[in-house]
Amino acid sequence: MAIAGLPAPRAFLRKVETVVLAALPVVAAGGAAMAGADTTFDTALTLFTDFLEGSGGTIITVLSLALGLVGLASGRFSLAQIAIPVGVGVGVSTGVPIVTSTITAVI
């Protein structure tokens, strides 16, 4: 018995079986992934990391703080105008080492 709009169970199972059998050779022929062995993006990663941990991170933090102060000066006080610049500063200064160590630990 088929439900309106859905194929009969046997026809559906035949379609699933066909897709699985077609995908089986592709999965079996796949090679092992060598995570962490590729150094293609090391130069870009080093450049970006140095930027965020150095003067770039300081500039981002100061700009965020300046935007928060402008918001405060406009007369509409919000805790987010203080918390967001603090979060940006903490994230820029400690975020890169945390992400790097997490990725290294997982891989």
PDB file of N, CA and C in Angstrom:
ATOM      1  N   MET A   1       0.836  -1.166   0.000  1.00  0.00           N
ATOM      2  CA  MET A   1       0.000   0.000   0.000  1.00  0.00           C
ATOM      3  C   MET A   1       0.888   1.239   0.000  1.00  0.00           C
ATOM      4  N   ALA A   2       0.649   2.139  -0.923  1.00  0.00           N
ATOM      5  CA  ALA A   2       1.446   3.356  -1.027  1.00  0.00           C
ATOM      6  C   ALA A   2       0.681   4.532  -0.440  1.00  0.00           C
ATOM      7  N   ILE A   3       1.406   5.391   0.268  1.00  0.00           N
ATOM      8  CA  ILE A   3       0.816   6.610   0.812  1.00  0.00           C
ATOM      9  C   ILE A   3       0.877   7.660  -0.288  1.00  0.00           C
ATOM     10  N   ALA A   4      -0.114   8.527  -0.328  1.00  0.00           N
ATOM     11  CA  ALA A   4      -0.192   9.534  -1.383  1.00  0.00           C
ATOM     12  C   ALA A   4       1.088  10.364  -1.423  1.00  0.00           C
ATOM     13  N   GLY A   5       1.715  10.397  -2.572  1.00  0.00           N
ATOM     14  CA  GLY A   5       2.925  11.204  -2.758  1.00  0.00           C
ATOM     15  C   GLY A   5       4.208  10.458  -2.446  1.00  0.00           C
ATOM     16  N   LEU A   6       4.133   9.302  -1.802  1.00  0.00           N
ATOM     17  CA  LEU A   6       5.325   8.517  -1.478  1.00  0.00           C
ATOM     18  C   LEU A   6       5.334   7.229  -2.291  1.00  0.00           C
ATOM     19  N   PRO A   7       6.508   6.776  -2.685  1.00  0.00           N
ATOM     20  CA  PRO A   7       6.549   5.531  -3.449  1.00  0.00           C
ATOM     21  C   PRO A   7       6.225   4.336  -2.557  1.00  0.00           C
ATOM     22  N   ALA A   8       5.858   3.250  -3.191  1.00  0.00           N
ATOM     23  CA  ALA A   8       5.596   2.019  -2.457  1.00  0.00           C
ATOM     24  C   ALA A   8       6.883   1.595  -1.762  1.00  0.00           C
ATOM     25  N   PRO A   9       6.802   0.941  -0.599  1.00  0.00           N
ATOM     26  CA  PRO A   9       8.006   0.578   0.148  1.00  0.00           C
ATOM     27  C   PRO A   9       9.009  -0.262  -0.652  1.00  0.00           C
ATOM     28  N   ARG A  10       8.543  -1.214  -1.438  1.00  0.00           N
ATOM     29  CA  ARG A  10       9.469  -2.048  -2.206  1.00  0.00           C
ATOM     30  C   ARG A  10      10.186  -1.237  -3.281  1.00  0.00           C
ATOM     31  N   ALA A  11       9.468  -0.355  -3.936  1.00  0.00           N
ATOM     32  CA  ALA A  11      10.082   0.481  -4.968  1.00  0.00           C
ATOM     33  C   ALA A  11      11.107   1.422  -4.339  1.00  0.00           C
ATOM     34  N   PHE A  12      10.776   1.948  -3.177  1.00  0.00           N
ATOM     35  CA  PHE A  12      11.702   2.836  -2.477  1.00  0.00           C
ATOM     36  C   PHE A  12      12.967   2.087  -2.069  1.00  0.00           C
ATOM     37  N   LEU A  13      12.814   0.895  -1.540  1.00  0.00           N
ATOM     38  CA  LEU A  13      13.977   0.091  -1.136  1.00  0.00           C
ATOM     39  C   LEU A  13      14.843  -0.267  -2.335  1.00  0.00           C
ATOM     40  N   ARG A  14      14.239  -0.531  -3.487  1.00  0.00           N
ATOM     41  CA  ARG A  14      15.022  -0.818  -4.696  1.00  0.00           C
ATOM     42  C   ARG A  14      15.843   0.395  -5.108  1.00  0.00           C
ATOM     43  N   LYS A  15      15.250   1.605  -4.979  1.00  0.00           N
ATOM     44  CA  LYS A  15      15.982   2.821  -5.321  1.00  0.00           C
ATOM     45  C   LYS A  15      17.149   3.041  -4.361  1.00  0.00           C
ATOM     46  N   VAL A  16      16.907   2.820  -3.081  1.00  0.00           N
ATOM     47  CA  VAL A  16      17.982   2.970  -2.087  1.00  0.00           C
ATOM     48  C   VAL A  16      19.083   1.960  -2.359  1.00  0.00           C
ATOM     49  N   GLU A  17      18.714   0.746  -2.656  1.00  0.00           N
ATOM     50  CA  GLU A  17      19.690  -0.302  -2.958  1.00  0.00           C
ATOM     51  C   GLU A  17      20.525   0.064  -4.186  1.00  0.00           C
ATOM     52  N   THR A  18      19.906   0.634  -5.194  1.00  0.00           N
ATOM     53  CA  THR A  18      20.615   1.044  -6.401  1.00  0.00           C
ATOM     54  C   THR A  18      21.619   2.153  -6.100  1.00  0.00           C
ATOM     55  N   VAL A  19      21.224   3.120  -5.302  1.00  0.00           N
ATOM     56  CA  VAL A  19      22.124   4.219  -4.955  1.00  0.00           C
ATOM     57  C   VAL A  19      23.295   3.711  -4.121  1.00  0.00           C
ATOM     58  N   VAL A  20      23.028   2.831  -3.165  1.00  0.00           N
ATOM     59  CA  VAL A  20      24.098   2.293  -2.319  1.00  0.00           C
ATOM     60  C   VAL A  20      25.062   1.461  -3.156  1.00  0.00           C
ATOM     61  N   LEU A  21      24.553   0.641  -4.030  1.00  0.00           N
ATOM     62  CA  LEU A  21      25.432  -0.184  -4.871  1.00  0.00           C
ATOM     63  C   LEU A  21      26.248   0.672  -5.841  1.00  0.00           C
ATOM     64  N   ALA A  22      25.687   1.778  -6.301  1.00  0.00           N
ATOM     65  CA  ALA A  22      26.422   2.662  -7.201  1.00  0.00           C
ATOM     66  C   ALA A  22      27.517   3.414  -6.442  1.00  0.00           C
ATOM     67  N   ALA A  23      27.286   3.742  -5.182  1.00  0.00           N
ATOM     68  CA  ALA A  23      28.266   4.498  -4.398  1.00  0.00           C
ATOM     69  C   ALA A  23      29.346   3.612  -3.797  1.00  0.00           C
ATOM     70  N   LEU A  24      29.121   2.327  -3.700  1.00  0.00           N
ATOM     71  CA  LEU A  24      30.073   1.412  -3.071  1.00  0.00           C
ATOM     72  C   LEU A  24      31.453   1.419  -3.716  1.00  0.00           C
ATOM     73  N   PRO A  25      31.593   1.351  -5.043  1.00  0.00           N
ATOM     74  CA  PRO A  25      32.932   1.397  -5.632  1.00  0.00           C
ATOM     75  C   PRO A  25      33.657   2.724  -5.378  1.00  0.00           C
ATOM     76  N   VAL A  26      32.911   3.811  -5.327  1.00  0.00           N
ATOM     77  CA  VAL A  26      33.529   5.117  -5.078  1.00  0.00           C
ATOM     78  C   VAL A  26      34.090   5.165  -3.666  1.00  0.00           C
ATOM     79  N   VAL A  27      33.343   4.657  -2.707  1.00  0.00           N
ATOM     80  CA  VAL A  27      33.795   4.656  -1.320  1.00  0.00           C
ATOM     81  C   VAL A  27      34.975   3.701  -1.150  1.00  0.00           C
ATOM     82  N   ALA A  28      34.930   2.551  -1.789  1.00  0.00           N
ATOM     83  CA  ALA A  28      36.004   1.572  -1.651  1.00  0.00           C
ATOM     84  C   ALA A  28      37.296   2.041  -2.303  1.00  0.00           C
ATOM     85  N   ALA A  29      37.208   2.869  -3.335  1.00  0.00           N
ATOM     86  CA  ALA A  29      38.395   3.319  -4.050  1.00  0.00           C
ATOM     87  C   ALA A  29      39.048   4.535  -3.394  1.00  0.00           C
ATOM     88  N   GLY A  30      38.388   5.127  -2.405  1.00  0.00           N
ATOM     89  CA  GLY A  30      38.930   6.315  -1.756  1.00  0.00           C
ATOM     90  C   GLY A  30      40.185   5.992  -0.962  1.00  0.00           C
ATOM     91  N   GLY A  31      41.143   6.917  -0.982  1.00  0.00           N
ATOM     92  CA  GLY A  31      42.381   6.722  -0.244  1.00  0.00           C
ATOM     93  C   GLY A  31      42.292   7.321   1.146  1.00  0.00           C
ATOM     94  N   ALA A  32      43.320   7.060   1.918  1.00  0.00           N
ATOM     95  CA  ALA A  32      43.374   7.589   3.278  1.00  0.00           C
ATOM     96  C   ALA A  32      43.695   9.073   3.235  1.00  0.00           C
ATOM     97  N   ALA A  33      43.046   9.831   4.083  1.00  0.00           N
ATOM     98  CA  ALA A  33      43.322  11.260   4.175  1.00  0.00           C
ATOM     99  C   ALA A  33      44.471  11.473   5.140  1.00  0.00           C
ATOM    100  N   MET A  34      45.414  12.317   4.742  1.00  0.00           N
ATOM    101  CA  MET A  34      46.564  12.597   5.585  1.00  0.00           C
ATOM    102  C   MET A  34      46.375  13.970   6.214  1.00  0.00           C
ATOM    103  N   ALA A  35      45.665  14.029   7.308  1.00  0.00           N
ATOM    104  CA  ALA A  35      45.377  15.302   7.961  1.00  0.00           C
ATOM    105  C   ALA A  35      46.636  15.855   8.608  1.00  0.00           C
ATOM    106  N   GLY A  36      46.883  17.119   8.362  1.00  0.00           N
ATOM    107  CA  GLY A  36      48.013  17.780   8.991  1.00  0.00           C
ATOM    108  C   GLY A  36      49.327  17.642   8.255  1.00  0.00           C
ATOM    109  N   ALA A  37      49.397  16.814   7.231  1.00  0.00           N
ATOM    110  CA  ALA A  37      50.647  16.611   6.513  1.00  0.00           C
ATOM    111  C   ALA A  37      50.847  17.646   5.405  1.00  0.00           C
ATOM    112  N   ASP A  38      49.785  18.332   5.024  1.00  0.00           N
ATOM    113  CA  ASP A  38      49.858  19.299   3.936  1.00  0.00           C
ATOM    114  C   ASP A  38      50.313  20.657   4.469  1.00  0.00           C
ATOM    115  N   THR A  39      51.241  21.289   3.775  1.00  0.00           N
ATOM    116  CA  THR A  39      51.763  22.594   4.200  1.00  0.00           C
ATOM    117  C   THR A  39      51.426  23.686   3.189  1.00  0.00           C
ATOM    118  N   THR A  40      50.375  23.497   2.415  1.00  0.00           N
ATOM    119  CA  THR A  40      50.019  24.435   1.368  1.00  0.00           C
ATOM    120  C   THR A  40      49.727  25.824   1.912  1.00  0.00           C
ATOM    121  N   PHE A  41      49.005  25.915   3.015  1.00  0.00           N
ATOM    122  CA  PHE A  41      48.554  27.205   3.523  1.00  0.00           C
ATOM    123  C   PHE A  41      49.345  27.679   4.742  1.00  0.00           C
ATOM    124  N   ASP A  42      50.493  27.096   5.003  1.00  0.00           N
ATOM    125  CA  ASP A  42      51.282  27.500   6.165  1.00  0.00           C
ATOM    126  C   ASP A  42      51.696  28.962   6.113  1.00  0.00           C
ATOM    127  N   THR A  43      52.080  29.448   4.945  1.00  0.00           N
ATOM    128  CA  THR A  43      52.504  30.844   4.824  1.00  0.00           C
ATOM    129  C   THR A  43      51.349  31.784   5.152  1.00  0.00           C
ATOM    130  N   ALA A  44      50.177  31.520   4.602  1.00  0.00           N
ATOM    131  CA  ALA A  44      49.009  32.362   4.870  1.00  0.00           C
ATOM    132  C   ALA A  44      48.595  32.273   6.333  1.00  0.00           C
ATOM    133  N   LEU A  45      48.657  31.079   6.910  1.00  0.00           N
ATOM    134  CA  LEU A  45      48.292  30.905   8.312  1.00  0.00           C
ATOM    135  C   LEU A  45      49.245  31.681   9.219  1.00  0.00           C
ATOM    136  N   THR A  46      50.528  31.611   8.942  1.00  0.00           N
ATOM    137  CA  THR A  46      51.509  32.340   9.741  1.00  0.00           C
ATOM    138  C   THR A  46      51.297  33.844   9.625  1.00  0.00           C
ATOM    139  N   LEU A  47      51.064  34.322   8.417  1.00  0.00           N
ATOM    140  CA  LEU A  47      50.849  35.755   8.194  1.00  0.00           C
ATOM    141  C   LEU A  47      49.602  36.242   8.939  1.00  0.00           C
ATOM    142  N   PHE A  48      48.517  35.513   8.824  1.00  0.00           N
ATOM    143  CA  PHE A  48      47.261  35.908   9.463  1.00  0.00           C
ATOM    144  C   PHE A  48      47.373  35.826  10.983  1.00  0.00           C
ATOM    145  N   THR A  49      48.006  34.774  11.492  1.00  0.00           N
ATOM    146  CA  THR A  49      48.189  34.621  12.933  1.00  0.00           C
ATOM    147  C   THR A  49      49.044  35.745  13.495  1.00  0.00           C
ATOM    148  N   ASP A  50      50.143  36.064  12.821  1.00  0.00           N
ATOM    149  CA  ASP A  50      51.004  37.159  13.277  1.00  0.00           C
ATOM    150  C   ASP A  50      50.264  38.491  13.257  1.00  0.00           C
ATOM    151  N   PHE A  51      49.420  38.690  12.253  1.00  0.00           N
ATOM    152  CA  PHE A  51      48.641  39.930  12.154  1.00  0.00           C
ATOM    153  C   PHE A  51      47.688  40.064  13.334  1.00  0.00           C
ATOM    154  N   LEU A  52      46.940  38.989  13.640  1.00  0.00           N
ATOM    155  CA  LEU A  52      45.956  39.071  14.714  1.00  0.00           C
ATOM    156  C   LEU A  52      46.606  39.178  16.088  1.00  0.00           C
ATOM    157  N   GLU A  53      47.719  38.483  16.292  1.00  0.00           N
ATOM    158  CA  GLU A  53      48.372  38.527  17.595  1.00  0.00           C
ATOM    159  C   GLU A  53      49.228  39.778  17.769  1.00  0.00           C
ATOM    160  N   GLY A  54      49.495  40.496  16.712  1.00  0.00           N
ATOM    161  CA  GLY A  54      50.341  41.683  16.786  1.00  0.00           C
ATOM    162  C   GLY A  54      49.537  42.957  16.674  1.00  0.00           C
ATOM    163  N   SER A  55      50.013  43.846  15.814  1.00  0.00           N
ATOM    164  CA  SER A  55      49.400  45.169  15.694  1.00  0.00           C
ATOM    165  C   SER A  55      47.996  45.111  15.092  1.00  0.00           C
ATOM    166  N   GLY A  56      47.713  44.139  14.266  1.00  0.00           N
ATOM    167  CA  GLY A  56      46.372  44.026  13.679  1.00  0.00           C
ATOM    168  C   GLY A  56      45.312  43.775  14.732  1.00  0.00           C
ATOM    169  N   GLY A  57      45.604  42.909  15.680  1.00  0.00           N
ATOM    170  CA  GLY A  57      44.667  42.647  16.761  1.00  0.00           C
ATOM    171  C   GLY A  57      44.452  43.864  17.631  1.00  0.00           C
ATOM    172  N   THR A  58      45.527  44.626  17.864  1.00  0.00           N
ATOM    173  CA  THR A  58      45.409  45.854  18.648  1.00  0.00           C
ATOM    174  C   THR A  58      44.532  46.868  17.922  1.00  0.00           C
ATOM    175  N   ILE A  59      44.720  47.005  16.626  1.00  0.00           N
ATOM    176  CA  ILE A  59      43.917  47.944  15.835  1.00  0.00           C
ATOM    177  C   ILE A  59      42.443  47.541  15.862  1.00  0.00           C
ATOM    178  N   ILE A  60      42.162  46.268  15.696  1.00  0.00           N
ATOM    179  CA  ILE A  60      40.779  45.786  15.722  1.00  0.00           C
ATOM    180  C   ILE A  60      40.143  46.079  17.072  1.00  0.00           C
ATOM    181  N   THR A  61      40.884  45.838  18.153  1.00  0.00           N
ATOM    182  CA  THR A  61      40.359  46.080  19.495  1.00  0.00           C
ATOM    183  C   THR A  61      40.098  47.563  19.730  1.00  0.00           C
ATOM    184  N   VAL A  62      41.038  48.426  19.312  1.00  0.00           N
ATOM    185  CA  VAL A  62      40.872  49.870  19.506  1.00  0.00           C
ATOM    186  C   VAL A  62      39.686  50.392  18.693  1.00  0.00           C
ATOM    187  N   LEU A  63      39.525  49.916  17.457  1.00  0.00           N
ATOM    188  CA  LEU A  63      38.375  50.333  16.642  1.00  0.00           C
ATOM    189  C   LEU A  63      37.056  49.895  17.279  1.00  0.00           C
ATOM    190  N   SER A  64      37.033  48.688  17.807  1.00  0.00           N
ATOM    191  CA  SER A  64      35.824  48.206  18.465  1.00  0.00           C
ATOM    192  C   SER A  64      35.509  49.046  19.703  1.00  0.00           C
ATOM    193  N   LEU A  65      36.540  49.383  20.480  1.00  0.00           N
ATOM    194  CA  LEU A  65      36.343  50.223  21.648  1.00  0.00           C
ATOM    195  C   LEU A  65      35.863  51.622  21.252  1.00  0.00           C
ATOM    196  N   ALA A  66      36.425  52.166  20.180  1.00  0.00           N
ATOM    197  CA  ALA A  66      36.013  53.493  19.708  1.00  0.00           C
ATOM    198  C   ALA A  66      34.549  53.484  19.283  1.00  0.00           C
ATOM    199  N   LEU A  67      34.118  52.436  18.604  1.00  0.00           N
ATOM    200  CA  LEU A  67      32.708  52.343  18.199  1.00  0.00           C
ATOM    201  C   LEU A  67      31.798  52.239  19.420  1.00  0.00           C
ATOM    202  N   GLY A  68      32.244  51.510  20.437  1.00  0.00           N
ATOM    203  CA  GLY A  68      31.462  51.430  21.668  1.00  0.00           C
ATOM    204  C   GLY A  68      31.353  52.773  22.361  1.00  0.00           C
ATOM    205  N   LEU A  69      32.450  53.539  22.378  1.00  0.00           N
ATOM    206  CA  LEU A  69      32.429  54.867  23.001  1.00  0.00           C
ATOM    207  C   LEU A  69      31.544  55.838  22.226  1.00  0.00           C
ATOM    208  N   VAL A  70      31.555  55.735  20.907  1.00  0.00           N
ATOM    209  CA  VAL A  70      30.670  56.574  20.096  1.00  0.00           C
ATOM    210  C   VAL A  70      29.216  56.246  20.412  1.00  0.00           C
ATOM    211  N   GLY A  71      28.918  54.973  20.558  1.00  0.00           N
ATOM    212  CA  GLY A  71      27.557  54.583  20.925  1.00  0.00           C
ATOM    213  C   GLY A  71      27.161  55.104  22.284  1.00  0.00           C
ATOM    214  N   LEU A  72      28.096  55.077  23.239  1.00  0.00           N
ATOM    215  CA  LEU A  72      27.807  55.617  24.571  1.00  0.00           C
ATOM    216  C   LEU A  72      27.606  57.127  24.519  1.00  0.00           C
ATOM    217  N   ALA A  73      28.408  57.818  23.722  1.00  0.00           N
ATOM    218  CA  ALA A  73      28.307  59.272  23.624  1.00  0.00           C
ATOM    219  C   ALA A  73      27.014  59.706  22.944  1.00  0.00           C
ATOM    220  N   SER A  74      26.427  58.830  22.173  1.00  0.00           N
ATOM    221  CA  SER A  74      25.189  59.195  21.486  1.00  0.00           C
ATOM    222  C   SER A  74      23.990  59.209  22.426  1.00  0.00           C
ATOM    223  N   GLY A  75      24.193  58.755  23.656  1.00  0.00           N
ATOM    224  CA  GLY A  75      23.125  58.844  24.636  1.00  0.00           C
ATOM    225  C   GLY A  75      22.346  57.576  24.860  1.00  0.00           C
ATOM    226  N   ARG A  76      22.585  56.557  24.115  1.00  0.00           N
ATOM    227  CA  ARG A  76      21.862  55.305  24.316  1.00  0.00           C
ATOM    228  C   ARG A  76      22.797  54.287  24.969  1.00  0.00           C
ATOM    229  N   PHE A  77      22.714  54.166  26.267  1.00  0.00           N
ATOM    230  CA  PHE A  77      23.585  53.266  27.009  1.00  0.00           C
ATOM    231  C   PHE A  77      23.099  51.839  26.870  1.00  0.00           C
ATOM    232  N   SER A  78      24.055  50.965  26.615  1.00  0.00           N
ATOM    233  CA  SER A  78      23.774  49.544  26.554  1.00  0.00           C
ATOM    234  C   SER A  78      25.004  48.810  27.052  1.00  0.00           C
ATOM    235  N   LEU A  79      24.787  47.746  27.776  1.00  0.00           N
ATOM    236  CA  LEU A  79      25.902  46.954  28.282  1.00  0.00           C
ATOM    237  C   LEU A  79      26.694  46.335  27.132  1.00  0.00           C
ATOM    238  N   ALA A  80      26.042  46.092  26.016  1.00  0.00           N
ATOM    239  CA  ALA A  80      26.721  45.512  24.856  1.00  0.00           C
ATOM    240  C   ALA A  80      27.807  46.440  24.311  1.00  0.00           C
ATOM    241  N   GLN A  81      27.634  47.751  24.486  1.00  0.00           N
ATOM    242  CA  GLN A  81      28.631  48.698  23.989  1.00  0.00           C
ATOM    243  C   GLN A  81      29.919  48.615  24.798  1.00  0.00           C
ATOM    244  N   ILE A  82      29.868  48.049  25.978  1.00  0.00           N
ATOM    245  CA  ILE A  82      31.061  47.825  26.786  1.00  0.00           C
ATOM    246  C   ILE A  82      31.546  46.384  26.603  1.00  0.00           C
ATOM    247  N   ALA A  83      30.621  45.445  26.624  1.00  0.00           N
ATOM    248  CA  ALA A  83      30.979  44.029  26.599  1.00  0.00           C
ATOM    249  C   ALA A  83      31.541  43.592  25.255  1.00  0.00           C
ATOM    250  N   ILE A  84      31.029  44.113  24.166  1.00  0.00           N
ATOM    251  CA  ILE A  84      31.507  43.690  22.845  1.00  0.00           C
ATOM    252  C   ILE A  84      32.969  44.072  22.625  1.00  0.00           C
ATOM    253  N   PRO A  85      33.409  45.315  22.898  1.00  0.00           N
ATOM    254  CA  PRO A  85      34.833  45.605  22.740  1.00  0.00           C
ATOM    255  C   PRO A  85      35.733  44.764  23.646  1.00  0.00           C
ATOM    256  N   VAL A  86      35.276  44.485  24.860  1.00  0.00           N
ATOM    257  CA  VAL A  86      36.063  43.621  25.755  1.00  0.00           C
ATOM    258  C   VAL A  86      36.144  42.214  25.173  1.00  0.00           C
ATOM    259  N   GLY A  87      35.028  41.716  24.681  1.00  0.00           N
ATOM    260  CA  GLY A  87      35.026  40.385  24.057  1.00  0.00           C
ATOM    261  C   GLY A  87      35.892  40.320  22.813  1.00  0.00           C
ATOM    262  N   VAL A  88      35.869  41.378  22.010  1.00  0.00           N
ATOM    263  CA  VAL A  88      36.719  41.420  20.810  1.00  0.00           C
ATOM    264  C   VAL A  88      38.186  41.397  21.220  1.00  0.00           C
ATOM    265  N   GLY A  89      38.543  42.188  22.234  1.00  0.00           N
ATOM    266  CA  GLY A  89      39.933  42.210  22.692  1.00  0.00           C
ATOM    267  C   GLY A  89      40.391  40.862  23.209  1.00  0.00           C
ATOM    268  N   VAL A  90      39.566  40.232  24.019  1.00  0.00           N
ATOM    269  CA  VAL A  90      39.920  38.907  24.551  1.00  0.00           C
ATOM    270  C   VAL A  90      39.960  37.881  23.428  1.00  0.00           C
ATOM    271  N   GLY A  91      38.999  37.959  22.522  1.00  0.00           N
ATOM    272  CA  GLY A  91      38.975  37.001  21.414  1.00  0.00           C
ATOM    273  C   GLY A  91      40.157  37.124  20.487  1.00  0.00           C
ATOM    274  N   VAL A  92      40.568  38.361  20.202  1.00  0.00           N
ATOM    275  CA  VAL A  92      41.700  38.562  19.298  1.00  0.00           C
ATOM    276  C   VAL A  92      43.001  38.131  19.963  1.00  0.00           C
ATOM    277  N   SER A  93      43.139  38.423  21.257  1.00  0.00           N
ATOM    278  CA  SER A  93      44.413  38.117  21.903  1.00  0.00           C
ATOM    279  C   SER A  93      44.555  36.646  22.255  1.00  0.00           C
ATOM    280  N   THR A  94      43.478  35.987  22.660  1.00  0.00           N
ATOM    281  CA  THR A  94      43.591  34.586  23.071  1.00  0.00           C
ATOM    282  C   THR A  94      42.905  33.620  22.123  1.00  0.00           C
ATOM    283  N   GLY A  95      42.133  34.123  21.186  1.00  0.00           N
ATOM    284  CA  GLY A  95      41.381  33.240  20.298  1.00  0.00           C
ATOM    285  C   GLY A  95      42.229  32.433  19.353  1.00  0.00           C
ATOM    286  N   VAL A  96      43.259  33.057  18.798  1.00  0.00           N
ATOM    287  CA  VAL A  96      44.104  32.354  17.825  1.00  0.00           C
ATOM    288  C   VAL A  96      44.827  31.174  18.469  1.00  0.00           C
ATOM    289  N   PRO A  97      45.481  31.340  19.624  1.00  0.00           N
ATOM    290  CA  PRO A  97      46.129  30.165  20.233  1.00  0.00           C
ATOM    291  C   PRO A  97      45.141  29.078  20.642  1.00  0.00           C
ATOM    292  N   ILE A  98      43.947  29.472  21.082  1.00  0.00           N
ATOM    293  CA  ILE A  98      42.957  28.473  21.473  1.00  0.00           C
ATOM    294  C   ILE A  98      42.502  27.667  20.258  1.00  0.00           C
ATOM    295  N   VAL A  99      42.196  28.361  19.167  1.00  0.00           N
ATOM    296  CA  VAL A  99      41.753  27.662  17.957  1.00  0.00           C
ATOM    297  C   VAL A  99      42.870  26.788  17.404  1.00  0.00           C
ATOM    298  N   THR A 100      44.077  27.308  17.376  1.00  0.00           N
ATOM    299  CA  THR A 100      45.218  26.547  16.848  1.00  0.00           C
ATOM    300  C   THR A 100      45.454  25.286  17.684  1.00  0.00           C
ATOM    301  N   SER A 101      45.430  25.408  19.005  1.00  0.00           N
ATOM    302  CA  SER A 101      45.665  24.229  19.852  1.00  0.00           C
ATOM    303  C   SER A 101      44.510  23.232  19.750  1.00  0.00           C
ATOM    304  N   THR A 102      43.286  23.735  19.584  1.00  0.00           N
ATOM    305  CA  THR A 102      42.148  22.827  19.439  1.00  0.00           C
ATOM    306  C   THR A 102      42.231  22.043  18.143  1.00  0.00           C
ATOM    307  N   ILE A 103      42.563  22.723  17.061  1.00  0.00           N
ATOM    308  CA  ILE A 103      42.673  22.049  15.765  1.00  0.00           C
ATOM    309  C   ILE A 103      43.820  21.041  15.801  1.00  0.00           C
ATOM    310  N   THR A 104      44.937  21.423  16.389  1.00  0.00           N
ATOM    311  CA  THR A 104      46.080  20.522  16.472  1.00  0.00           C
ATOM    312  C   THR A 104      45.726  19.300  17.318  1.00  0.00           C
ATOM    313  N   ALA A 105      44.994  19.503  18.404  1.00  0.00           N
ATOM    314  CA  ALA A 105      44.613  18.389  19.267  1.00  0.00           C
ATOM    315  C   ALA A 105      43.632  17.448  18.574  1.00  0.00           C
ATOM    316  N   VAL A 106      42.706  18.008  17.787  1.00  0.00           N
ATOM    317  CA  VAL A 106      41.719  17.176  17.112  1.00  0.00           C
ATOM    318  C   VAL A 106      42.348  16.391  15.980  1.00  0.00           C
ATOM    319  N   ILE A 107      43.228  17.038  15.217  1.00  0.00           N
ATOM    320  CA  ILE A 107      43.848  16.373  14.079  1.00  0.00           C
ATOM    321  C   ILE A 107      44.924  15.460  14.571  1.00  0.00           C
TER     322      ILE A 107
END
